[in-house]
Amino acid sequence: QVQLVESGGGLVQAGGSLRLSCVASGSIFSIVTWGWYRQSPGKQRELVATDYINGVTNYADSVKGRFTISRDNAKSTVYLQMNSLKPADTAVYYCQSVPFCGGEWGRGTQVTVSS
C-alpha cells in the first residue's frame, strides 16, 4: 500500500510563495497520475493540480497561472510550487492519485495565507 507524506506548508502573507512536497512509498510512482488536492473547513476536498504520466499538467481555474505541479520520478516525489498566494488558498493540501483509486490519504500539510 502506498504511503504519502506531504510537507512544506506554513503561514505566509498574501502574495507570498510556498513549495509543497509529497513523497510516495512503493514502486508504482512513475506510472501514476498524481494530483494535489486541498480542503478548507466546511468545504469539500477539491483537486487543484494534476500531473499526468505523459507530462501534461492541468489546473483548477482558481490556481491557474499561480501554481505549478511537477514530479521527480527518481525521488518518488511530487511538488506544488505556489506563487501569488491568496487568503482563499488557505487549506490542508494533500497529494493523491488522479482519479482517486482507494487507499489511505496522507496527513496533508496546512497552508495558511494571511491578508
Protein backbone atom coordinates (compact mmCIF):
# COMPACT_ATOMS: atom_id res chain seq x y z
CA GLN A 1 0.00 0.00 0.00
CA VAL A 2 1.32 3.41 -0.98
CA GLN A 3 2.07 5.81 1.86
CA LEU A 4 2.05 9.53 1.21
CA VAL A 5 3.85 12.16 3.26
CA GLU A 6 3.21 15.81 2.47
CA SER A 7 5.35 18.68 3.70
CA GLY A 8 6.22 22.30 3.04
CA GLY A 9 3.15 24.07 4.28
CA GLY A 10 3.17 27.03 6.62
CA LEU A 11 1.98 30.54 7.31
CA VAL A 12 2.63 33.09 4.60
CA GLN A 13 1.40 36.57 3.77
CA ALA A 14 -0.75 37.19 0.74
CA GLY A 15 1.41 37.42 -2.35
CA GLY A 16 3.98 35.05 -0.94
CA SER A 17 5.13 31.64 -2.14
CA LEU A 18 5.43 28.11 -0.81
CA ARG A 19 6.65 24.85 -2.28
CA LEU A 20 4.92 21.69 -1.18
CA SER A 21 6.44 18.23 -1.46
CA CYS A 22 4.90 14.79 -1.31
CA VAL A 23 6.94 11.62 -1.04
CA ALA A 24 5.24 8.38 -2.03
CA SER A 25 6.38 4.95 -0.97
CA GLY A 26 6.20 1.94 -3.27
CA SER A 27 7.35 1.19 -6.79
CA ILE A 28 4.45 2.49 -8.85
CA PHE A 29 5.15 6.22 -8.56
CA SER A 30 6.20 6.74 -12.18
CA ILE A 31 3.09 5.11 -13.65
CA VAL A 32 0.58 7.07 -11.62
CA THR A 33 -1.08 10.33 -12.49
CA TRP A 34 -0.61 12.48 -9.39
CA GLY A 35 -2.60 15.39 -8.15
CA TRP A 36 -2.67 17.94 -5.39
CA TYR A 37 -5.97 18.32 -3.59
CA ARG A 38 -6.97 20.80 -0.91
CA GLN A 39 -9.69 21.03 1.69
CA SER A 40 -10.83 24.06 3.65
CA PRO A 41 -13.03 23.86 6.75
CA GLY A 42 -16.63 23.25 5.77
CA LYS A 43 -15.77 22.61 2.13
CA GLN A 44 -15.35 19.50 0.03
CA ARG A 45 -11.90 18.37 -0.97
CA GLU A 46 -11.05 19.73 -4.40
CA LEU A 47 -8.45 18.81 -7.00
CA VAL A 48 -6.30 21.82 -7.84
CA ALA A 49 -3.44 20.43 -9.94
CA THR A 50 -2.78 17.25 -11.93
CA ASP A 51 0.43 15.85 -13.36
CA TYR A 52 -0.20 13.17 -15.97
CA ILE A 53 2.38 10.49 -16.69
CA ASN A 54 2.85 11.90 -20.19
CA GLY A 55 3.96 15.23 -18.78
CA VAL A 56 0.74 17.11 -19.35
CA THR A 57 -0.46 19.22 -16.43
CA ASN A 58 -3.87 20.62 -15.59
CA TYR A 59 -5.07 23.17 -13.07
CA ALA A 60 -8.25 24.36 -11.48
CA ASP A 61 -9.23 27.81 -12.69
CA SER A 62 -8.74 29.19 -9.19
CA VAL A 63 -4.99 28.43 -9.24
CA LYS A 64 -4.14 28.57 -12.95
CA GLY A 65 -1.14 30.78 -13.62
CA ARG A 66 -0.10 30.76 -9.95
CA PHE A 67 0.53 27.10 -9.10
CA THR A 68 2.87 24.66 -10.84
CA ILE A 69 2.85 20.90 -10.30
CA SER A 70 5.89 18.79 -11.11
CA ARG A 71 7.37 15.42 -10.24
CA ASP A 72 10.72 13.72 -9.77
CA ASN A 73 10.27 10.02 -10.52
CA ALA A 74 13.74 9.19 -9.21
CA LYS A 75 12.78 10.60 -5.82
CA SER A 76 9.16 9.43 -5.91
CA THR A 77 8.20 13.00 -5.11
CA VAL A 78 5.56 15.31 -6.48
CA TYR A 79 5.80 19.06 -5.91
CA LEU A 80 3.46 22.02 -5.92
CA GLN A 81 5.01 25.44 -6.36
CA MET A 82 2.52 28.05 -5.18
CA ASN A 83 3.07 31.69 -6.03
CA SER A 84 0.98 34.83 -5.52
CA LEU A 85 -0.84 33.14 -2.69
CA LYS A 86 -4.24 34.44 -1.62
CA PRO A 87 -6.19 34.02 1.63
CA ALA A 88 -8.61 31.83 -0.36
CA ASP A 89 -5.76 29.34 -0.82
CA THR A 90 -5.79 28.58 2.90
CA ALA A 91 -6.43 24.85 3.27
CA VAL A 92 -4.89 21.50 4.06
CA TYR A 93 -3.14 20.23 0.95
CA TYR A 94 -2.88 16.55 0.05
CA CYS A 95 -1.32 14.61 -2.78
CA GLN A 96 -3.05 11.55 -4.16
CA SER A 97 -3.60 9.66 -7.39
CA VAL A 98 -5.94 11.01 -10.04
CA PRO A 99 -8.52 9.66 -10.12
CA PHE A 100 -8.55 8.52 -6.53
CA CYS A 101 -8.45 4.72 -6.60
CA GLY A 102 -8.70 3.99 -2.90
CA GLY A 103 -6.08 3.64 -0.23
CA GLU A 104 -5.17 5.98 2.55
CA TRP A 105 -4.69 9.70 2.36
CA GLY A 106 -1.67 11.28 3.95
CA ARG A 107 -1.97 13.74 6.81
CA GLY A 108 -1.65 16.66 4.45
CA THR A 109 0.16 19.91 5.04
CA GLN A 110 -1.51 23.07 6.28
CA VAL A 111 -1.20 26.24 4.22
CA THR A 112 -2.39 29.44 5.82
CA VAL A 113 -2.32 32.71 3.89
CA SER A 114 -2.83 35.88 5.87
CA SER A 115 -4.22 39.06 4.34
